[in-house]
PDB file of N, CA and C in Angstrom:
ATOM      1  N   MET A   1     -47.774  93.047  47.574  1.00  0.00           N
ATOM      2  CA  MET A   1     -48.739  92.369  48.432  1.00  0.00           C
ATOM      3  C   MET A   1     -49.185  93.288  49.568  1.00  0.00           C
ATOM      4  N   LYS A   2     -48.201  93.987  50.148  1.00  0.00           N
ATOM      5  CA  LYS A   2     -48.492  94.874  51.272  1.00  0.00           C
ATOM      6  C   LYS A   2     -49.421  96.019  50.852  1.00  0.00           C
ATOM      7  N   ILE A   3     -49.182  96.578  49.673  1.00  0.00           N
ATOM      8  CA  ILE A   3     -50.007  97.698  49.210  1.00  0.00           C
ATOM      9  C   ILE A   3     -51.425  97.233  48.880  1.00  0.00           C
ATOM     10  N   LEU A   4     -51.557  96.014  48.378  1.00  0.00           N
ATOM     11  CA  LEU A   4     -52.879  95.460  48.082  1.00  0.00           C
ATOM     12  C   LEU A   4     -53.672  95.233  49.366  1.00  0.00           C
ATOM     13  N   MET A   5     -53.013  94.706  50.381  1.00  0.00           N
ATOM     14  CA  MET A   5     -53.685  94.495  51.675  1.00  0.00           C
ATOM     15  C   MET A   5     -54.087  95.828  52.299  1.00  0.00           C
ATOM     16  N   ARG A   6     -53.206  96.834  52.187  1.00  0.00           N
ATOM     17  CA  ARG A   6     -53.513  98.154  52.743  1.00  0.00           C
ATOM     18  C   ARG A   6     -54.711  98.759  52.026  1.00  0.00           C
ATOM     19  N   TRP A   7     -54.763  98.598  50.694  1.00  0.00           N
ATOM     20  CA  TRP A   7     -55.881  99.107  49.911  1.00  0.00           C
ATOM     21  C   TRP A   7     -57.192  98.441  50.328  1.00  0.00           C
ATOM     22  N   LEU A   8     -57.181  97.127  50.511  1.00  0.00           N
ATOM     23  CA  LEU A   8     -58.373  96.410  50.946  1.00  0.00           C
ATOM     24  C   LEU A   8     -58.818  96.856  52.335  1.00  0.00           C
ATOM     25  N   LEU A   9     -57.857  97.050  53.235  1.00  0.00           N
ATOM     26  CA  LEU A   9     -58.200  97.501  54.589  1.00  0.00           C
ATOM     27  C   LEU A   9     -58.723  98.934  54.597  1.00  0.00           C
ATOM     28  N   LEU A  10     -58.177  99.788  53.745  1.00  0.00           N
ATOM     29  CA  LEU A  10     -58.692 101.160  53.659  1.00  0.00           C
ATOM     30  C   LEU A  10     -60.100 101.182  53.070  1.00  0.00           C
ATOM     31  N   ALA A  11     -60.394 100.279  52.147  1.00  0.00           N
ATOM     32  CA  ALA A  11     -61.754 100.169  51.620  1.00  0.00           C
ATOM     33  C   ALA A  11     -62.706  99.695  52.722  1.00  0.00           C
ATOM     34  N   ALA A  12     -62.242  98.745  53.527  1.00  0.00           N
ATOM     35  CA  ALA A  12     -63.057  98.294  54.666  1.00  0.00           C
ATOM     36  C   ALA A  12     -63.239  99.426  55.672  1.00  0.00           C
ATOM     37  N   ALA A  13     -62.209 100.245  55.852  1.00  0.00           N
ATOM     38  CA  ALA A  13     -62.326 101.398  56.749  1.00  0.00           C
ATOM     39  C   ALA A  13     -63.357 102.387  56.228  1.00  0.00           C
ATOM     40  N   LEU A  14     -63.439 102.545  54.919  1.00  0.00           N
ATOM     41  CA  LEU A  14     -64.446 103.422  54.341  1.00  0.00           C
ATOM     42  C   LEU A  14     -65.854 102.883  54.586  1.00  0.00           C
ATOM     43  N   LEU A  15     -65.994 101.568  54.508  1.00  0.00           N
ATOM     44  CA  LEU A  15     -67.285 100.960  54.852  1.00  0.00           C
ATOM     45  C   LEU A  15     -67.608 101.166  56.329  1.00  0.00           C
ATOM     46  N   LEU A  16     -66.589 101.102  57.177  1.00  0.00           N
ATOM     47  CA  LEU A  16     -66.788 101.352  58.607  1.00  0.00           C
ATOM     48  C   LEU A  16     -67.236 102.787  58.845  1.00  0.00           C
ATOM     49  N   VAL A  17     -66.642 103.741  58.138  1.00  0.00           N
ATOM     50  CA  VAL A  17     -67.052 105.143  58.257  1.00  0.00           C
ATOM     51  C   VAL A  17     -68.520 105.289  57.881  1.00  0.00           C
ATOM     52  N   ALA A  18     -68.920 104.646  56.789  1.00  0.00           N
ATOM     53  CA  ALA A  18     -70.314 104.717  56.352  1.00  0.00           C
ATOM     54  C   ALA A  18     -71.253 104.068  57.370  1.00  0.00           C
ATOM     55  N   HIS A  19     -70.761 103.048  58.048  1.00  0.00           N
ATOM     56  CA  HIS A  19     -71.583 102.379  59.061  1.00  0.00           C
ATOM     57  C   HIS A  19     -71.700 103.228  60.330  1.00  0.00           C
ATOM     58  N   LEU A  20     -70.609 103.891  60.711  1.00  0.00           N
ATOM     59  CA  LEU A  20     -70.600 104.669  61.949  1.00  0.00           C
ATOM     60  C   LEU A  20     -71.267 106.030  61.816  1.00  0.00           C
ATOM     61  N   TYR A  21     -71.152 106.631  60.660  1.00  0.00           N
ATOM     62  CA  TYR A  21     -71.656 108.001  60.489  1.00  0.00           C
ATOM     63  C   TYR A  21     -72.666 108.050  59.351  1.00  0.00           C
ATOM     64  N   PRO A  22     -73.894 108.471  59.623  1.00  0.00           N
ATOM     65  CA  PRO A  22     -74.949 108.431  58.592  1.00  0.00           C
ATOM     66  C   PRO A  22     -74.769 109.455  57.470  1.00  0.00           C
ATOM     67  N   GLY A  23     -73.874 110.424  57.619  1.00  0.00           N
ATOM     68  CA  GLY A  23     -73.657 111.417  56.571  1.00  0.00           C
ATOM     69  C   GLY A  23     -72.824 110.898  55.417  1.00  0.00           C
ATOM     70  N   VAL A  24     -72.237 109.708  55.576  1.00  0.00           N
ATOM     71  CA  VAL A  24     -71.417 109.098  54.533  1.00  0.00           C
ATOM     72  C   VAL A  24     -72.096 107.796  54.113  1.00  0.00           C
ATOM     73  N   VAL A  25     -72.267 107.622  52.800  1.00  0.00           N
ATOM     74  CA  VAL A  25     -72.927 106.431  52.268  1.00  0.00           C
ATOM     75  C   VAL A  25     -72.005 105.769  51.250  1.00  0.00           C
ATOM     76  N   VAL A  26     -71.749 104.484  51.437  1.00  0.00           N
ATOM     77  CA  VAL A  26     -71.005 103.676  50.477  1.00  0.00           C
ATOM     78  C   VAL A  26     -71.908 102.507  50.132  1.00  0.00           C
ATOM     79  N   THR A  27     -72.208 102.345  48.849  1.00  0.00           N
ATOM     80  CA  THR A  27     -73.218 101.360  48.463  1.00  0.00           C
ATOM     81  C   THR A  27     -72.704  99.922  48.410  1.00  0.00           C
ATOM     82  N   SER A  28     -71.407  99.733  48.123  1.00  0.00           N
ATOM     83  CA  SER A  28     -70.893  98.364  48.020  1.00  0.00           C
ATOM     84  C   SER A  28     -69.398  98.355  48.305  1.00  0.00           C
ATOM     85  N   PHE A  29     -68.859  97.155  48.452  1.00  0.00           N
ATOM     86  CA  PHE A  29     -67.421  97.024  48.684  1.00  0.00           C
ATOM     87  C   PHE A  29     -66.644  97.452  47.445  1.00  0.00           C
ATOM     88  N   THR A  30     -67.203  97.211  46.260  1.00  0.00           N
ATOM     89  CA  THR A  30     -66.558  97.653  45.025  1.00  0.00           C
ATOM     90  C   THR A  30     -66.460  99.176  44.988  1.00  0.00           C
ATOM     91  N   SER A  31     -67.539  99.841  45.394  1.00  0.00           N
ATOM     92  CA  SER A  31     -67.519 101.301  45.470  1.00  0.00           C
ATOM     93  C   SER A  31     -66.490 101.772  46.490  1.00  0.00           C
ATOM     94  N   ALA A  32     -66.374 101.046  47.596  1.00  0.00           N
ATOM     95  CA  ALA A  32     -65.388 101.400  48.616  1.00  0.00           C
ATOM     96  C   ALA A  32     -63.964 101.229  48.092  1.00  0.00           C
ATOM     97  N   LEU A  33     -63.735 100.170  47.312  1.00  0.00           N
ATOM     98  CA  LEU A  33     -62.408  99.960  46.717  1.00  0.00           C
ATOM     99  C   LEU A  33     -62.039 101.102  45.777  1.00  0.00           C
ATOM    100  N   ILE A  34     -62.971 101.478  44.930  1.00  0.00           N
ATOM    101  CA  ILE A  34     -62.720 102.558  43.981  1.00  0.00           C
ATOM    102  C   ILE A  34     -62.536 103.876  44.727  1.00  0.00           C
ATOM    103  N   ALA A  35     -63.370 104.124  45.736  1.00  0.00           N
ATOM    104  CA  ALA A  35     -63.264 105.362  46.508  1.00  0.00           C
ATOM    105  C   ALA A  35     -61.939 105.427  47.271  1.00  0.00           C
ATOM    106  N   ALA A  36     -61.496 104.315  47.822  1.00  0.00           N
ATOM    107  CA  ALA A  36     -60.212 104.304  48.524  1.00  0.00           C
ATOM    108  C   ALA A  36     -59.067 104.602  47.567  1.00  0.00           C
ATOM    109  N   MET A  37     -59.162 104.076  46.345  1.00  0.00           N
ATOM    110  CA  MET A  37     -58.135 104.350  45.349  1.00  0.00           C
ATOM    111  C   MET A  37     -58.146 105.823  44.942  1.00  0.00           C
ATOM    112  N   VAL A  38     -59.329 106.380  44.707  1.00  0.00           N
ATOM    113  CA  VAL A  38     -59.438 107.793  44.316  1.00  0.00           C
ATOM    114  C   VAL A  38     -58.977 108.692  45.456  1.00  0.00           C
ATOM    115  N   LEU A  39     -59.342 108.351  46.683  1.00  0.00           N
ATOM    116  CA  LEU A  39     -58.866 109.134  47.833  1.00  0.00           C
ATOM    117  C   LEU A  39     -57.342 109.106  47.922  1.00  0.00           C
ATOM    118  N   GLY A  40     -56.772 107.957  47.700  1.00  0.00           N
ATOM    119  CA  GLY A  40     -55.314 107.846  47.713  1.00  0.00           C
ATOM    120  C   GLY A  40     -54.669 108.681  46.626  1.00  0.00           C
ATOM    121  N   LEU A  41     -55.249 108.652  45.433  1.00  0.00           N
ATOM    122  CA  LEU A  41     -54.714 109.457  44.330  1.00  0.00           C
ATOM    123  C   LEU A  41     -54.860 110.954  44.599  1.00  0.00           C
ATOM    124  N   LEU A  42     -56.018 111.376  45.099  1.00  0.00           N
ATOM    125  CA  LEU A  42     -56.217 112.785  45.427  1.00  0.00           C
ATOM    126  C   LEU A  42     -55.250 113.240  46.513  1.00  0.00           C
ATOM    127  N   ASN A  43     -55.073 112.400  47.535  1.00  0.00           N
ATOM    128  CA  ASN A  43     -54.163 112.764  48.617  1.00  0.00           C
ATOM    129  C   ASN A  43     -52.709 112.778  48.163  1.00  0.00           C
ATOM    130  N   THR A  44     -52.390 111.997  47.144  1.00  0.00           N
ATOM    131  CA  THR A  44     -51.023 111.966  46.631  1.00  0.00           C
ATOM    132  C   THR A  44     -50.749 113.112  45.659  1.00  0.00           C
ATOM    133  N   LEU A  45     -51.719 113.428  44.806  1.00  0.00           N
ATOM    134  CA  LEU A  45     -51.491 114.397  43.739  1.00  0.00           C
ATOM    135  C   LEU A  45     -51.981 115.810  44.049  1.00  0.00           C
ATOM    136  N   VAL A  46     -53.158 115.947  44.618  1.00  0.00           N
ATOM    137  CA  VAL A  46     -53.777 117.263  44.794  1.00  0.00           C
ATOM    138  C   VAL A  46     -53.485 117.866  46.163  1.00  0.00           C
ATOM    139  N   ARG A  47     -53.509 117.046  47.201  1.00  0.00           N
ATOM    140  CA  ARG A  47     -53.345 117.544  48.569  1.00  0.00           C
ATOM    141  C   ARG A  47     -52.047 118.326  48.783  1.00  0.00           C
ATOM    142  N   PRO A  48     -50.882 117.847  48.291  1.00  0.00           N
ATOM    143  CA  PRO A  48     -49.661 118.639  48.512  1.00  0.00           C
ATOM    144  C   PRO A  48     -49.727 120.041  47.894  1.00  0.00           C
ATOM    145  N   ILE A  49     -50.387 120.159  46.748  1.00  0.00           N
ATOM    146  CA  ILE A  49     -50.537 121.469  46.115  1.00  0.00           C
ATOM    147  C   ILE A  49     -51.411 122.370  46.970  1.00  0.00           C
ATOM    148  N   LEU A  50     -52.526 121.823  47.475  1.00  0.00           N
ATOM    149  CA  LEU A  50     -53.407 122.610  48.340  1.00  0.00           C
ATOM    150  C   LEU A  50     -52.711 123.016  49.639  1.00  0.00           C
ATOM    151  N   VAL A  51     -51.931 122.109  50.199  1.00  0.00           N
ATOM    152  CA  VAL A  51     -51.211 122.421  51.439  1.00  0.00           C
ATOM    153  C   VAL A  51     -50.229 123.556  51.184  1.00  0.00           C
ATOM    154  N   LEU A  52     -49.538 123.510  50.065  1.00  0.00           N
ATOM    155  CA  LEU A  52     -48.576 124.562  49.740  1.00  0.00           C
ATOM    156  C   LEU A  52     -49.276 125.900  49.492  1.00  0.00           C
ATOM    157  N   LEU A  53     -50.383 125.879  48.765  1.00  0.00           N
ATOM    158  CA  LEU A  53     -51.102 127.121  48.462  1.00  0.00           C
ATOM    159  C   LEU A  53     -51.745 127.751  49.697  1.00  0.00           C
ATOM    160  N   THR A  54     -52.130 126.932  50.653  1.00  0.00           N
ATOM    161  CA  THR A  54     -52.808 127.441  51.853  1.00  0.00           C
ATOM    162  C   THR A  54     -51.888 127.487  53.066  1.00  0.00           C
ATOM    163  N   LEU A  55     -50.590 127.458  52.825  1.00  0.00           N
ATOM    164  CA  LEU A  55     -49.631 127.442  53.927  1.00  0.00           C
ATOM    165  C   LEU A  55     -49.798 128.616  54.897  1.00  0.00           C
ATOM    166  N   PRO A  56     -50.012 129.858  54.425  1.00  0.00           N
ATOM    167  CA  PRO A  56     -50.209 130.948  55.401  1.00  0.00           C
ATOM    168  C   PRO A  56     -51.415 130.730  56.319  1.00  0.00           C
ATOM    169  N   VAL A  57     -52.522 130.261  55.733  1.00  0.00           N
ATOM    170  CA  VAL A  57     -53.724 130.000  56.545  1.00  0.00           C
ATOM    171  C   VAL A  57     -53.467 128.858  57.517  1.00  0.00           C
ATOM    172  N   THR A  58     -52.745 127.852  57.070  1.00  0.00           N
ATOM    173  CA  THR A  58     -52.419 126.709  57.927  1.00  0.00           C
ATOM    174  C   THR A  58     -51.545 127.146  59.095  1.00  0.00           C
ATOM    175  N   ILE A  59     -50.592 128.017  58.840  1.00  0.00           N
ATOM    176  CA  ILE A  59     -49.721 128.497  59.913  1.00  0.00           C
ATOM    177  C   ILE A  59     -50.507 129.336  60.914  1.00  0.00           C
ATOM    178  N   VAL A  60     -51.347 130.233  60.407  1.00  0.00           N
ATOM    179  CA  VAL A  60     -52.140 131.097  61.293  1.00  0.00           C
ATOM    180  C   VAL A  60     -53.101 130.273  62.145  1.00  0.00           C
ATOM    181  N   SER A  61     -53.653 129.204  61.554  1.00  0.00           N
ATOM    182  CA  SER A  61     -54.614 128.372  62.293  1.00  0.00           C
ATOM    183  C   SER A  61     -53.929 127.270  63.092  1.00  0.00           C
ATOM    184  N   LEU A  62     -52.606 127.326  63.166  1.00  0.00           N
ATOM    185  CA  LEU A  62     -51.817 126.336  63.907  1.00  0.00           C
ATOM    186  C   LEU A  62     -52.052 124.914  63.386  1.00  0.00           C
ATOM    187  N   GLY A  63     -52.225 124.786  62.091  1.00  0.00           N
ATOM    188  CA  GLY A  63     -52.376 123.482  61.463  1.00  0.00           C
ATOM    189  C   GLY A  63     -53.796 122.962  61.375  1.00  0.00           C
ATOM    190  N   LEU A  64     -54.740 123.661  61.971  1.00  0.00           N
ATOM    191  CA  LEU A  64     -56.122 123.172  61.955  1.00  0.00           C
ATOM    192  C   LEU A  64     -56.735 123.220  60.564  1.00  0.00           C
ATOM    193  N   PHE A  65     -56.215 124.066  59.683  1.00  0.00           N
ATOM    194  CA  PHE A  65     -56.750 124.140  58.334  1.00  0.00           C
ATOM    195  C   PHE A  65     -56.492 122.860  57.549  1.00  0.00           C
ATOM    196  N   LEU A  66     -55.547 122.048  57.993  1.00  0.00           N
ATOM    197  CA  LEU A  66     -55.296 120.759  57.338  1.00  0.00           C
ATOM    198  C   LEU A  66     -56.513 119.837  57.436  1.00  0.00           C
ATOM    199  N   PHE A  67     -57.302 119.996  58.502  1.00  0.00           N
ATOM    200  CA  PHE A  67     -58.540 119.225  58.615  1.00  0.00           C
ATOM    201  C   PHE A  67     -59.513 119.617  57.504  1.00  0.00           C
ATOM    202  N   VAL A  68     -59.545 120.902  57.178  1.00  0.00           N
ATOM    203  CA  VAL A  68     -60.405 121.383  56.097  1.00  0.00           C
ATOM    204  C   VAL A  68     -59.945 120.802  54.761  1.00  0.00           C
ATOM    205  N   ILE A  69     -58.628 120.763  54.544  1.00  0.00           N
ATOM    206  CA  ILE A  69     -58.099 120.197  53.301  1.00  0.00           C
ATOM    207  C   ILE A  69     -58.442 118.713  53.201  1.00  0.00           C
ATOM    208  N   ASN A  70     -58.315 117.975  54.310  1.00  0.00           N
ATOM    209  CA  ASN A  70     -58.697 116.559  54.314  1.00  0.00           C
ATOM    210  C   ASN A  70     -60.174 116.389  53.983  1.00  0.00           C
ATOM    211  N   ALA A  71     -61.011 117.234  54.563  1.00  0.00           N
ATOM    212  CA  ALA A  71     -62.447 117.159  54.287  1.00  0.00           C
ATOM    213  C   ALA A  71     -62.728 117.467  52.820  1.00  0.00           C
ATOM    214  N   LEU A  72     -62.021 118.435  52.250  1.00  0.00           N
ATOM    215  CA  LEU A  72     -62.218 118.754  50.833  1.00  0.00           C
ATOM    216  C   LEU A  72     -61.815 117.595  49.930  1.00  0.00           C
ATOM    217  N   MET A  73     -60.757 116.885  50.292  1.00  0.00           N
ATOM    218  CA  MET A  73     -60.345 115.718  49.506  1.00  0.00           C
ATOM    219  C   MET A  73     -61.400 114.615  49.597  1.00  0.00           C
ATOM    220  N   PHE A  74     -61.942 114.412  50.779  1.00  0.00           N
ATOM    221  CA  PHE A  74     -62.987 113.415  51.002  1.00  0.00           C
ATOM    222  C   PHE A  74     -64.234 113.769  50.198  1.00  0.00           C
ATOM    223  N   TRP A  75     -64.606 115.038  50.253  1.00  0.00           N
ATOM    224  CA  TRP A  75     -65.791 115.528  49.556  1.00  0.00           C
ATOM    225  C   TRP A  75     -65.591 115.459  48.048  1.00  0.00           C
ATOM    226  N   ALA A  76     -64.389 115.793  47.578  1.00  0.00           N
ATOM    227  CA  ALA A  76     -64.094 115.741  46.151  1.00  0.00           C
ATOM    228  C   ALA A  76     -64.205 114.310  45.622  1.00  0.00           C
ATOM    229  N   ALA A  77     -63.696 113.362  46.381  1.00  0.00           N
ATOM    230  CA  ALA A  77     -63.794 111.963  45.966  1.00  0.00           C
ATOM    231  C   ALA A  77     -65.253 111.535  45.864  1.00  0.00           C
ATOM    232  N   ALA A  78     -66.061 111.969  46.814  1.00  0.00           N
ATOM    233  CA  ALA A  78     -67.487 111.614  46.789  1.00  0.00           C
ATOM    234  C   ALA A  78     -68.188 112.252  45.593  1.00  0.00           C
ATOM    235  N   ASN A  79     -67.778 113.460  45.223  1.00  0.00           N
ATOM    236  CA  ASN A  79     -68.405 114.117  44.073  1.00  0.00           C
ATOM    237  C   ASN A  79     -67.975 113.503  42.751  1.00  0.00           C
ATOM    238  N   LEU A  80     -66.809 112.893  42.718  1.00  0.00           N
ATOM    239  CA  LEU A  80     -66.319 112.276  41.489  1.00  0.00           C
ATOM    240  C   LEU A  80     -66.922 110.900  41.230  1.00  0.00           C
ATOM    241  N   LEU A  81     -67.367 110.228  42.281  1.00  0.00           N
ATOM    242  CA  LEU A  81     -67.751 108.826  42.172  1.00  0.00           C
ATOM    243  C   LEU A  81     -69.233 108.606  42.430  1.00  0.00           C
ATOM    244  N   GLY A  82     -69.760 107.580  41.799  1.00  0.00           N
ATOM    245  CA  GLY A  82     -71.081 107.091  42.153  1.00  0.00           C
ATOM    246  C   GLY A  82     -70.902 105.963  43.158  1.00  0.00           C
ATOM    247  N   GLY A  83     -71.833 105.811  44.047  1.00  0.00           N
ATOM    248  CA  GLY A  83     -71.725 104.756  45.049  1.00  0.00           C
ATOM    249  C   GLY A  83     -71.024 105.202  46.312  1.00  0.00           C
ATOM    250  N   PHE A  84     -70.521 106.423  46.313  1.00  0.00           N
ATOM    251  CA  PHE A  84     -69.874 107.008  47.496  1.00  0.00           C
ATOM    252  C   PHE A  84     -70.409 108.426  47.623  1.00  0.00           C
ATOM    253  N   GLU A  85     -71.190 108.654  48.671  1.00  0.00           N
ATOM    254  CA  GLU A  85     -71.855 109.949  48.834  1.00  0.00           C
ATOM    255  C   GLU A  85     -71.561 110.536  50.200  1.00  0.00           C
ATOM    256  N   VAL A  86     -71.422 111.858  50.225  1.00  0.00           N
ATOM    257  CA  VAL A  86     -71.215 112.597  51.466  1.00  0.00           C
ATOM    258  C   VAL A  86     -72.271 113.689  51.507  1.00  0.00           C
ATOM    259  N   ALA A  87     -72.946 113.826  52.643  1.00  0.00           N
ATOM    260  CA  ALA A  87     -74.091 114.726  52.754  1.00  0.00           C
ATOM    261  C   ALA A  87     -73.719 116.200  52.658  1.00  0.00           C
ATOM    262  N   GLY A  88     -72.524 116.585  53.009  1.00  0.00           N
ATOM    263  CA  GLY A  88     -72.123 117.988  52.972  1.00  0.00           C
ATOM    264  C   GLY A  88     -70.737 118.143  53.548  1.00  0.00           C
ATOM    265  N   PHE A  89     -70.327 119.407  53.745  1.00  0.00           N
ATOM    266  CA  PHE A  89     -68.981 119.654  54.230  1.00  0.00           C
ATOM    267  C   PHE A  89     -68.749 119.069  55.621  1.00  0.00           C
ATOM    268  N   TRP A  90     -69.709 119.251  56.526  1.00  0.00           N
ATOM    269  CA  TRP A  90     -69.514 118.755  57.898  1.00  0.00           C
ATOM    270  C   TRP A  90     -69.470 117.237  57.927  1.00  0.00           C
ATOM    271  N   ALA A  91     -70.266 116.612  57.088  1.00  0.00           N
ATOM    272  CA  ALA A  91     -70.204 115.150  56.982  1.00  0.00           C
ATOM    273  C   ALA A  91     -68.846 114.721  56.419  1.00  0.00           C
ATOM    274  N   ALA A  92     -68.319 115.498  55.465  1.00  0.00           N
ATOM    275  CA  ALA A  92     -66.998 115.200  54.909  1.00  0.00           C
ATOM    276  C   ALA A  92     -65.917 115.374  55.978  1.00  0.00           C
ATOM    277  N   LEU A  93     -66.059 116.394  56.810  1.00  0.00           N
ATOM    278  CA  LEU A  93     -65.075 116.636  57.875  1.00  0.00           C
ATOM    279  C   LEU A  93     -65.071 115.484  58.884  1.00  0.00           C
ATOM    280  N   ILE A  94     -66.244 115.104  59.344  1.00  0.00           N
ATOM    281  CA  ILE A  94     -66.328 114.013  60.326  1.00  0.00           C
ATOM    282  C   ILE A  94     -65.922 112.686  59.678  1.00  0.00           C
ATOM    283  N   GLY A  95     -66.380 112.440  58.456  1.00  0.00           N
ATOM    284  CA  GLY A  95     -66.006 111.210  57.751  1.00  0.00           C
ATOM    285  C   GLY A  95     -64.512 111.129  57.508  1.00  0.00           C
ATOM    286  N   SER A  96     -63.892 112.247  57.135  1.00  0.00           N
ATOM    287  CA  SER A  96     -62.449 112.228  56.889  1.00  0.00           C
ATOM    288  C   SER A  96     -61.671 112.032  58.185  1.00  0.00           C
ATOM    289  N   LEU A  97     -62.183 112.548  59.285  1.00  0.00           N
ATOM    290  CA  LEU A  97     -61.521 112.321  60.583  1.00  0.00           C
ATOM    291  C   LEU A  97     -61.554 110.845  60.968  1.00  0.00           C
ATOM    292  N   ILE A  98     -62.721 110.227  60.820  1.00  0.00           N
ATOM    293  CA  ILE A  98     -62.840 108.803  61.156  1.00  0.00           C
ATOM    294  C   ILE A  98     -61.976 107.970  60.218  1.00  0.00           C
ATOM    295  N   TYR A  99     -62.001 108.304  58.923  1.00  0.00           N
ATOM    296  CA  TYR A  99     -61.208 107.571  57.923  1.00  0.00           C
ATOM    297  C   TYR A  99     -59.709 107.735  58.202  1.00  0.00           C
ATOM    298  N   SER A 100     -59.292 108.933  58.584  1.00  0.00           N
ATOM    299  CA  SER A 100     -57.877 109.169  58.902  1.00  0.00           C
ATOM    300  C   SER A 100     -57.440 108.376  60.127  1.00  0.00           C
ATOM    301  N   LEU A 101     -58.297 108.317  61.133  1.00  0.00           N
ATOM    302  CA  LEU A 101     -57.977 107.524  62.329  1.00  0.00           C
ATOM    303  C   LEU A 101     -57.845 106.047  61.980  1.00  0.00           C
ATOM    304  N   CYS A 102     -58.746 105.556  61.142  1.00  0.00           N
ATOM    305  CA  CYS A 102     -58.646 104.157  60.694  1.00  0.00           C
ATOM    306  C   CYS A 102     -57.355 103.938  59.908  1.00  0.00           C
ATOM    307  N   GLY A 103     -57.021 104.881  59.033  1.00  0.00           N
ATOM    308  CA  GLY A 103     -55.790 104.780  58.252  1.00  0.00           C
ATOM    309  C   GLY A 103     -54.549 104.773  59.127  1.00  0.00           C
ATOM    310  N   MET A 104     -54.555 105.607  60.161  1.00  0.00           N
ATOM    311  CA  MET A 104     -53.418 105.609  61.090  1.00  0.00           C
ATOM    312  C   MET A 104     -53.320 104.281  61.823  1.00  0.00           C
ATOM    313  N   GLY A 105     -54.454 103.719  62.223  1.00  0.00           N
ATOM    314  CA  GLY A 105     -54.454 102.412  62.879  1.00  0.00           C
ATOM    315  C   GLY A 105     -53.928 101.328  61.960  1.00  0.00           C
ATOM    316  N   ILE A 106     -54.328 101.377  60.702  1.00  0.00           N
ATOM    317  CA  ILE A 106     -53.839 100.402  59.727  1.00  0.00           C
ATOM    318  C   ILE A 106     -52.332 100.543  59.555  1.00  0.00           C
ATOM    319  N   ASP A 107     -51.843 101.772  59.489  1.00  0.00           N
ATOM    320  CA  ASP A 107     -50.403 101.997  59.340  1.00  0.00           C
ATOM    321  C   ASP A 107     -49.622 101.474  60.541  1.00  0.00           C
ATOM    322  N   VAL A 108     -50.152 101.668  61.744  1.00  0.00           N
ATOM    323  CA  VAL A 108     -49.478 101.164  62.946  1.00  0.00           C
ATOM    324  C   VAL A 108     -49.421  99.635  62.923  1.00  0.00           C
ATOM    325  N   ILE A 109     -50.514  99.012  62.551  1.00  0.00           N
ATOM    326  CA  ILE A 109     -50.547  97.552  62.476  1.00  0.00           C
ATOM    327  C   ILE A 109     -49.543  97.047  61.449  1.00  0.00           C
ATOM    328  N   PHE A 110     -49.486  97.696  60.295  1.00  0.00           N
ATOM    329  CA  PHE A 110     -48.547  97.280  59.256  1.00  0.00           C
ATOM    330  C   PHE A 110     -47.096  97.480  59.690  1.00  0.00           C
ATOM    331  N   GLU A 111     -46.831  98.542  60.435  1.00  0.00           N
ATOM    332  CA  GLU A 111     -45.470  98.758  60.940  1.00  0.00           C
ATOM    333  C   GLU A 111     -45.053  97.644  61.895  1.00  0.00           C
ATOM    334  N   ARG A 112     -45.993  97.170  62.690  1.00  0.00           N
ATOM    335  CA  ARG A 112     -45.669  96.094  63.638  1.00  0.00           C
ATOM    336  C   ARG A 112     -45.569  94.741  62.949  1.00  0.00           C
ATOM    337  N   LEU A 113     -46.411  94.520  61.942  1.00  0.00           N
ATOM    338  CA  LEU A 113     -46.375  93.225  61.244  1.00  0.00           C
ATOM    339  C   LEU A 113     -45.221  93.138  60.249  1.00  0.00           C
ATOM    340  N   PHE A 114     -44.934  94.242  59.585  1.00  0.00           N
ATOM    341  CA  PHE A 114     -43.889  94.267  58.562  1.00  0.00           C
ATOM    342  C   PHE A 114     -42.879  95.359  58.873  1.00  0.00           C
ATOM    343  N   PRO A 115     -42.020  95.169  59.872  1.00  0.00           N
ATOM    344  CA  PRO A 115     -41.066  96.241  60.212  1.00  0.00           C
ATOM    345  C   PRO A 115     -40.048  96.437  59.082  1.00  0.00           C
ATOM    346  N   GLU A 116     -39.684  97.712  58.898  1.00  0.00           N
ATOM    347  CA  GLU A 116     -38.691  98.048  57.885  1.00  0.00           C
ATOM    348  C   GLU A 116     -37.325  97.614  58.385  1.00  0.00           C
ATOM    349  N   SER A 117     -36.581  96.906  57.558  1.00  0.00           N
ATOM    350  CA  SER A 117     -35.234  96.504  57.955  1.00  0.00           C
ATOM    351  C   SER A 117     -34.261  97.609  57.570  1.00  0.00           C
ATOM    352  N   SER A 118     -33.429  98.029  58.550  1.00  0.00           N
ATOM    353  CA  SER A 118     -32.496  99.126  58.265  1.00  0.00           C
ATOM    354  C   SER A 118     -31.108  98.657  58.048  1.00  0.00           C
TER     355      SER A 118
END
C-alpha cells in the first residue's frame, strides 16, 4: 500500500514539475504514472552503474556530477516514453532537481506518517 501511494505521489510530482517548468511536458496522469515507474526503474538499475563508472569525476567535482547523472536519467526516461517530453539537457537538469526535491519531501512525509519500528 505504501509503495502504491508513493508511486501515485511521485507521478503527481512529475505533473507538478511539468506545471512549474515549461521545459518538461507531461500529457496526462497516465503518462506521469508510467514515467514515474520508468524513472524509478532507471534509478534502481542504471544509476548505480553510472555512479560507479563516473566515480573519479564525481570525486573531483565534489559530488556535483551526480546532478548530471540525475539529469541523464530524467532525459533518458523522456526519450523512452511518449507523453513525457524534456526540451533538452538543461531542462532535464532543472526538471530532475525539482522532481528530486518533491521526492525528498514525499519521503519525509512518509517517514513521519509511517515510522519504521525498530
